[in-house]
């Protein structure tokens, strides 16, 4: 009896911060039981975020939809029950009746497209600076000088900083990588 199972995308709700654990557990179950026949993909949409700590650029992965895991599955027989009872799983999104509501194809494509787009635009940097903050210049001719941020330009990753030179305030335009928090 080899019938073709129709798989659709569903959203599993997980305890916040436990999405990776649920994914690992699901993949383990798929490899070691026949759950792999019914579940074909497990996705946690993430985005890369860059921060600057101590003058160094650090990349971090952040969940795009915290608490949610996308799965492509055929919910037949005991499969929904098995998925609902995994550790750290709260249930399905849209879990009204017997079976949860699958995502529409347009929603899936939009989410997957967004994931691909985020993977491509890896230079997404969280702005670690704000106006009025005191910083220290770490490169260039004003290395070692302290200043106060007057303006933050996220797009160009530049700061307008007022630095006191010989007792006079002088405006400087510096890159995010040329300064560190005081």
C-alpha atoms as a PDB file:
ATOM      1  CA  UNK A   1       0.000   0.000   0.000  1.00  0.00           C
ATOM      2  CA  UNK A   2       2.105   2.899  -1.258  1.00  0.00           C
ATOM      3  CA  UNK A   3      -0.219   5.866  -1.502  1.00  0.00           C
ATOM      4  CA  UNK A   4       1.116   9.336  -2.092  1.00  0.00           C
ATOM      5  CA  UNK A   5       0.750  11.403   1.074  1.00  0.00           C
ATOM      6  CA  UNK A   6      -0.226  15.018   0.561  1.00  0.00           C
ATOM      7  CA  UNK A   7       2.014  17.189   2.706  1.00  0.00           C
ATOM      8  CA  UNK A   8       1.151  20.715   3.727  1.00  0.00           C
ATOM      9  CA  UNK A   9       2.881  23.356   5.805  1.00  0.00           C
ATOM     10  CA  UNK A  10       1.811  23.810   9.410  1.00  0.00           C
ATOM     11  CA  UNK A  11       3.049  25.963  12.252  1.00  0.00           C
ATOM     12  CA  UNK A  12       4.009  24.307  15.523  1.00  0.00           C
ATOM     13  CA  UNK A  13       4.032  26.524  18.592  1.00  0.00           C
ATOM     14  CA  UNK A  14       6.949  25.952  20.926  1.00  0.00           C
ATOM     15  CA  UNK A  15       8.052  27.405  24.226  1.00  0.00           C
ATOM     16  CA  UNK A  16      10.089  30.550  23.439  1.00  0.00           C
ATOM     17  CA  UNK A  17      13.805  29.848  23.242  1.00  0.00           C
ATOM     18  CA  UNK A  18      13.260  26.084  22.821  1.00  0.00           C
ATOM     19  CA  UNK A  19      12.692  26.086  19.056  1.00  0.00           C
ATOM     20  CA  UNK A  20      16.104  24.528  18.274  1.00  0.00           C
ATOM     21  CA  UNK A  21      15.537  21.778  20.877  1.00  0.00           C
ATOM     22  CA  UNK A  22      12.158  20.953  19.350  1.00  0.00           C
ATOM     23  CA  UNK A  23      13.701  20.874  15.858  1.00  0.00           C
ATOM     24  CA  UNK A  24      16.487  18.527  17.049  1.00  0.00           C
ATOM     25  CA  UNK A  25      13.956  16.288  18.792  1.00  0.00           C
ATOM     26  CA  UNK A  26      11.741  16.232  15.681  1.00  0.00           C
ATOM     27  CA  UNK A  27      14.677  15.375  13.427  1.00  0.00           C
ATOM     28  CA  UNK A  28      15.745  12.639  15.837  1.00  0.00           C
ATOM     29  CA  UNK A  29      12.208  11.189  15.798  1.00  0.00           C
ATOM     30  CA  UNK A  30      12.100  11.428  11.979  1.00  0.00           C
ATOM     31  CA  UNK A  31      15.370   9.483  11.709  1.00  0.00           C
ATOM     32  CA  UNK A  32      14.541   6.799  14.271  1.00  0.00           C
ATOM     33  CA  UNK A  33      10.807   6.192  13.751  1.00  0.00           C
ATOM     34  CA  UNK A  34       8.478   6.193  10.778  1.00  0.00           C
ATOM     35  CA  UNK A  35       7.650   9.864  11.451  1.00  0.00           C
ATOM     36  CA  UNK A  36      10.072  10.681   8.604  1.00  0.00           C
ATOM     37  CA  UNK A  37       7.487   9.306   6.146  1.00  0.00           C
ATOM     38  CA  UNK A  38       4.973  11.939   7.260  1.00  0.00           C
ATOM     39  CA  UNK A  39       7.162  14.941   8.070  1.00  0.00           C
ATOM     40  CA  UNK A  40       9.480  16.080   5.285  1.00  0.00           C
ATOM     41  CA  UNK A  41      10.823  19.467   6.468  1.00  0.00           C
ATOM     42  CA  UNK A  42      11.344  21.279   9.748  1.00  0.00           C
ATOM     43  CA  UNK A  43      12.245  24.968   9.536  1.00  0.00           C
ATOM     44  CA  UNK A  44      13.002  27.688  12.050  1.00  0.00           C
ATOM     45  CA  UNK A  45      13.063  30.971  10.111  1.00  0.00           C
ATOM     46  CA  UNK A  46      16.074  32.936  11.374  1.00  0.00           C
ATOM     47  CA  UNK A  47      17.864  36.117  10.400  1.00  0.00           C
ATOM     48  CA  UNK A  48      21.481  37.114  10.894  1.00  0.00           C
ATOM     49  CA  UNK A  49      21.958  40.194  13.026  1.00  0.00           C
ATOM     50  CA  UNK A  50      25.279  41.907  13.520  1.00  0.00           C
ATOM     51  CA  UNK A  51      26.227  43.754  16.679  1.00  0.00           C
ATOM     52  CA  UNK A  52      29.371  45.526  17.704  1.00  0.00           C
ATOM     53  CA  UNK A  53      30.853  44.500  21.035  1.00  0.00           C
ATOM     54  CA  UNK A  54      34.180  45.881  22.226  1.00  0.00           C
ATOM     55  CA  UNK A  55      34.867  47.209  18.732  1.00  0.00           C
ATOM     56  CA  UNK A  56      34.398  43.761  17.143  1.00  0.00           C
ATOM     57  CA  UNK A  57      31.583  42.812  14.769  1.00  0.00           C
ATOM     58  CA  UNK A  58      29.704  39.810  16.124  1.00  0.00           C
ATOM     59  CA  UNK A  59      27.067  37.947  14.120  1.00  0.00           C
ATOM     60  CA  UNK A  60      24.137  36.340  15.877  1.00  0.00           C
ATOM     61  CA  UNK A  61      21.175  34.358  14.582  1.00  0.00           C
ATOM     62  CA  UNK A  62      17.820  35.641  15.720  1.00  0.00           C
ATOM     63  CA  UNK A  63      14.515  33.832  15.282  1.00  0.00           C
ATOM     64  CA  UNK A  64      12.322  35.627  12.805  1.00  0.00           C
ATOM     65  CA  UNK A  65       9.172  34.177  14.403  1.00  0.00           C
ATOM     66  CA  UNK A  66      10.080  33.409  18.039  1.00  0.00           C
ATOM     67  CA  UNK A  67       8.092  30.481  19.395  1.00  0.00           C
ATOM     68  CA  UNK A  68       7.134  29.102  15.976  1.00  0.00           C
ATOM     69  CA  UNK A  69       8.461  26.215  13.915  1.00  0.00           C
ATOM     70  CA  UNK A  70       7.355  25.500  10.340  1.00  0.00           C
ATOM     71  CA  UNK A  71       6.852  21.877   9.384  1.00  0.00           C
ATOM     72  CA  UNK A  72       5.880  20.280   6.106  1.00  0.00           C
ATOM     73  CA  UNK A  73       3.869  17.223   7.009  1.00  0.00           C
ATOM     74  CA  UNK A  74       0.979  14.930   6.210  1.00  0.00           C
ATOM     75  CA  UNK A  75      -1.118  14.952   9.383  1.00  0.00           C
ATOM     76  CA  UNK A  76      -2.599  11.465   9.259  1.00  0.00           C
ATOM     77  CA  UNK A  77      -3.266   8.935  11.986  1.00  0.00           C
ATOM     78  CA  UNK A  78      -1.168   9.497  15.089  1.00  0.00           C
ATOM     79  CA  UNK A  79       1.119  12.143  13.508  1.00  0.00           C
ATOM     80  CA  UNK A  80      -0.663  15.243  14.931  1.00  0.00           C
ATOM     81  CA  UNK A  81      -0.817  13.596  18.361  1.00  0.00           C
ATOM     82  CA  UNK A  82       2.903  12.705  18.215  1.00  0.00           C
ATOM     83  CA  UNK A  83       3.868  16.245  17.207  1.00  0.00           C
ATOM     84  CA  UNK A  84       1.666  17.879  19.876  1.00  0.00           C
ATOM     85  CA  UNK A  85       3.226  15.714  22.590  1.00  0.00           C
ATOM     86  CA  UNK A  86       6.854  16.483  21.816  1.00  0.00           C
ATOM     87  CA  UNK A  87       8.736  18.122  24.696  1.00  0.00           C
ATOM     88  CA  UNK A  88       8.490  21.965  24.628  1.00  0.00           C
ATOM     89  CA  UNK A  89       5.678  21.936  22.025  1.00  0.00           C
ATOM     90  CA  UNK A  90       2.550  23.893  22.996  1.00  0.00           C
ATOM     91  CA  UNK A  91       0.493  22.792  19.995  1.00  0.00           C
ATOM     92  CA  UNK A  92      -0.343  23.859  16.480  1.00  0.00           C
ATOM     93  CA  UNK A  93      -1.176  27.356  15.326  1.00  0.00           C
ATOM     94  CA  UNK A  94      -4.804  27.405  14.172  1.00  0.00           C
ATOM     95  CA  UNK A  95      -5.605  24.318  16.232  1.00  0.00           C
ATOM     96  CA  UNK A  96      -9.391  24.699  16.363  1.00  0.00           C
ATOM     97  CA  UNK A  97     -10.848  21.294  15.684  1.00  0.00           C
ATOM     98  CA  UNK A  98      -9.438  17.875  15.002  1.00  0.00           C
ATOM     99  CA  UNK A  99      -6.734  18.999  12.597  1.00  0.00           C
ATOM    100  CA  UNK A 100      -4.846  22.311  12.549  1.00  0.00           C
ATOM    101  CA  UNK A 101      -5.265  24.692   9.627  1.00  0.00           C
ATOM    102  CA  UNK A 102      -2.430  24.434   7.089  1.00  0.00           C
ATOM    103  CA  UNK A 103      -0.700  27.574   5.843  1.00  0.00           C
ATOM    104  CA  UNK A 104      -1.824  28.864   2.457  1.00  0.00           C
ATOM    105  CA  UNK A 105       0.728  28.430  -0.318  1.00  0.00           C
ATOM    106  CA  UNK A 106       1.054  32.215  -0.658  1.00  0.00           C
ATOM    107  CA  UNK A 107       1.945  32.490   3.060  1.00  0.00           C
ATOM    108  CA  UNK A 108       4.517  29.710   2.796  1.00  0.00           C
ATOM    109  CA  UNK A 109       6.127  31.302  -0.258  1.00  0.00           C
ATOM    110  CA  UNK A 110       6.213  34.685   1.451  1.00  0.00           C
ATOM    111  CA  UNK A 111       7.843  33.234   4.577  1.00  0.00           C
ATOM    112  CA  UNK A 112      10.334  31.111   2.630  1.00  0.00           C
ATOM    113  CA  UNK A 113      11.058  34.059   0.312  1.00  0.00           C
ATOM    114  CA  UNK A 114      11.695  36.246   3.355  1.00  0.00           C
ATOM    115  CA  UNK A 115      14.075  33.618   4.776  1.00  0.00           C
ATOM    116  CA  UNK A 116      16.006  33.501   1.478  1.00  0.00           C
ATOM    117  CA  UNK A 117      16.079  37.290   1.322  1.00  0.00           C
ATOM    118  CA  UNK A 118      17.418  37.457   4.891  1.00  0.00           C
ATOM    119  CA  UNK A 119      20.100  34.924   4.061  1.00  0.00           C
ATOM    120  CA  UNK A 120      21.159  37.057   1.085  1.00  0.00           C
ATOM    121  CA  UNK A 121      21.205  40.379   2.942  1.00  0.00           C
ATOM    122  CA  UNK A 122      23.621  39.200   5.602  1.00  0.00           C
ATOM    123  CA  UNK A 123      24.961  42.698   6.268  1.00  0.00           C
ATOM    124  CA  UNK A 124      21.990  43.495   8.506  1.00  0.00           C
ATOM    125  CA  UNK A 125      23.473  45.207  11.533  1.00  0.00           C
ATOM    126  CA  UNK A 126      21.706  46.097  14.745  1.00  0.00           C
ATOM    127  CA  UNK A 127      22.528  49.733  15.475  1.00  0.00           C
ATOM    128  CA  UNK A 128      24.432  49.651  18.742  1.00  0.00           C
ATOM    129  CA  UNK A 129      24.743  53.440  19.107  1.00  0.00           C
ATOM    130  CA  UNK A 130      22.327  56.210  20.034  1.00  0.00           C
ATOM    131  CA  UNK A 131      22.390  60.006  20.134  1.00  0.00           C
ATOM    132  CA  UNK A 132      23.856  61.468  23.327  1.00  0.00           C
ATOM    133  CA  UNK A 133      26.013  58.424  24.045  1.00  0.00           C
ATOM    134  CA  UNK A 134      29.714  58.918  24.868  1.00  0.00           C
ATOM    135  CA  UNK A 135      32.118  56.933  22.683  1.00  0.00           C
ATOM    136  CA  UNK A 136      35.860  56.550  22.248  1.00  0.00           C
ATOM    137  CA  UNK A 137      37.510  56.849  18.826  1.00  0.00           C
ATOM    138  CA  UNK A 138      39.557  53.706  18.086  1.00  0.00           C
ATOM    139  CA  UNK A 139      41.130  54.486  14.705  1.00  0.00           C
ATOM    140  CA  UNK A 140      42.369  57.346  12.558  1.00  0.00           C
ATOM    141  CA  UNK A 141      44.070  60.581  13.588  1.00  0.00           C
ATOM    142  CA  UNK A 142      41.684  61.085  16.542  1.00  0.00           C
ATOM    143  CA  UNK A 143      42.387  57.651  18.058  1.00  0.00           C
ATOM    144  CA  UNK A 144      41.946  57.801  21.836  1.00  0.00           C
ATOM    145  CA  UNK A 145      39.686  60.898  21.829  1.00  0.00           C
ATOM    146  CA  UNK A 146      36.269  60.742  23.486  1.00  0.00           C
ATOM    147  CA  UNK A 147      33.170  62.265  21.949  1.00  0.00           C
ATOM    148  CA  UNK A 148      29.420  62.511  22.161  1.00  0.00           C
ATOM    149  CA  UNK A 149      27.221  61.127  19.369  1.00  0.00           C
ATOM    150  CA  UNK A 150      25.130  63.850  17.727  1.00  0.00           C
ATOM    151  CA  UNK A 151      23.690  61.861  14.831  1.00  0.00           C
ATOM    152  CA  UNK A 152      23.414  58.179  13.791  1.00  0.00           C
ATOM    153  CA  UNK A 153      23.146  57.250  10.097  1.00  0.00           C
ATOM    154  CA  UNK A 154      22.040  53.590   9.977  1.00  0.00           C
ATOM    155  CA  UNK A 155      22.195  53.268   6.181  1.00  0.00           C
ATOM    156  CA  UNK A 156      25.778  54.487   5.831  1.00  0.00           C
ATOM    157  CA  UNK A 157      26.798  52.998   9.202  1.00  0.00           C
ATOM    158  CA  UNK A 158      28.244  56.391  10.151  1.00  0.00           C
ATOM    159  CA  UNK A 159      28.139  58.556  13.262  1.00  0.00           C
ATOM    160  CA  UNK A 160      28.445  62.305  13.632  1.00  0.00           C
ATOM    161  CA  UNK A 161      30.496  62.766  16.795  1.00  0.00           C
ATOM    162  CA  UNK A 162      31.457  65.971  18.642  1.00  0.00           C
ATOM    163  CA  UNK A 163      35.039  65.675  19.890  1.00  0.00           C
ATOM    164  CA  UNK A 164      36.815  68.262  22.010  1.00  0.00           C
ATOM    165  CA  UNK A 165      40.120  69.131  20.337  1.00  0.00           C
ATOM    166  CA  UNK A 166      42.309  71.803  21.955  1.00  0.00           C
ATOM    167  CA  UNK A 167      39.328  72.951  24.052  1.00  0.00           C
ATOM    168  CA  UNK A 168      36.997  73.368  21.032  1.00  0.00           C
ATOM    169  CA  UNK A 169      34.191  71.062  19.971  1.00  0.00           C
ATOM    170  CA  UNK A 170      34.823  69.674  16.504  1.00  0.00           C
ATOM    171  CA  UNK A 171      32.356  67.516  14.512  1.00  0.00           C
ATOM    172  CA  UNK A 172      33.719  64.254  13.063  1.00  0.00           C
ATOM    173  CA  UNK A 173      32.085  61.699  10.799  1.00  0.00           C
ATOM    174  CA  UNK A 174      33.140  58.211  11.860  1.00  0.00           C
ATOM    175  CA  UNK A 175      32.148  54.681  10.872  1.00  0.00           C
ATOM    176  CA  UNK A 176      30.601  52.246  13.350  1.00  0.00           C
ATOM    177  CA  UNK A 177      33.843  50.244  13.295  1.00  0.00           C
ATOM    178  CA  UNK A 178      35.992  53.317  14.159  1.00  0.00           C
ATOM    179  CA  UNK A 179      34.518  53.787  17.623  1.00  0.00           C
ATOM    180  CA  UNK A 180      33.686  51.821  20.740  1.00  0.00           C
ATOM    181  CA  UNK A 181      31.358  52.437  23.642  1.00  0.00           C
ATOM    182  CA  UNK A 182      32.940  54.347  26.504  1.00  0.00           C
END
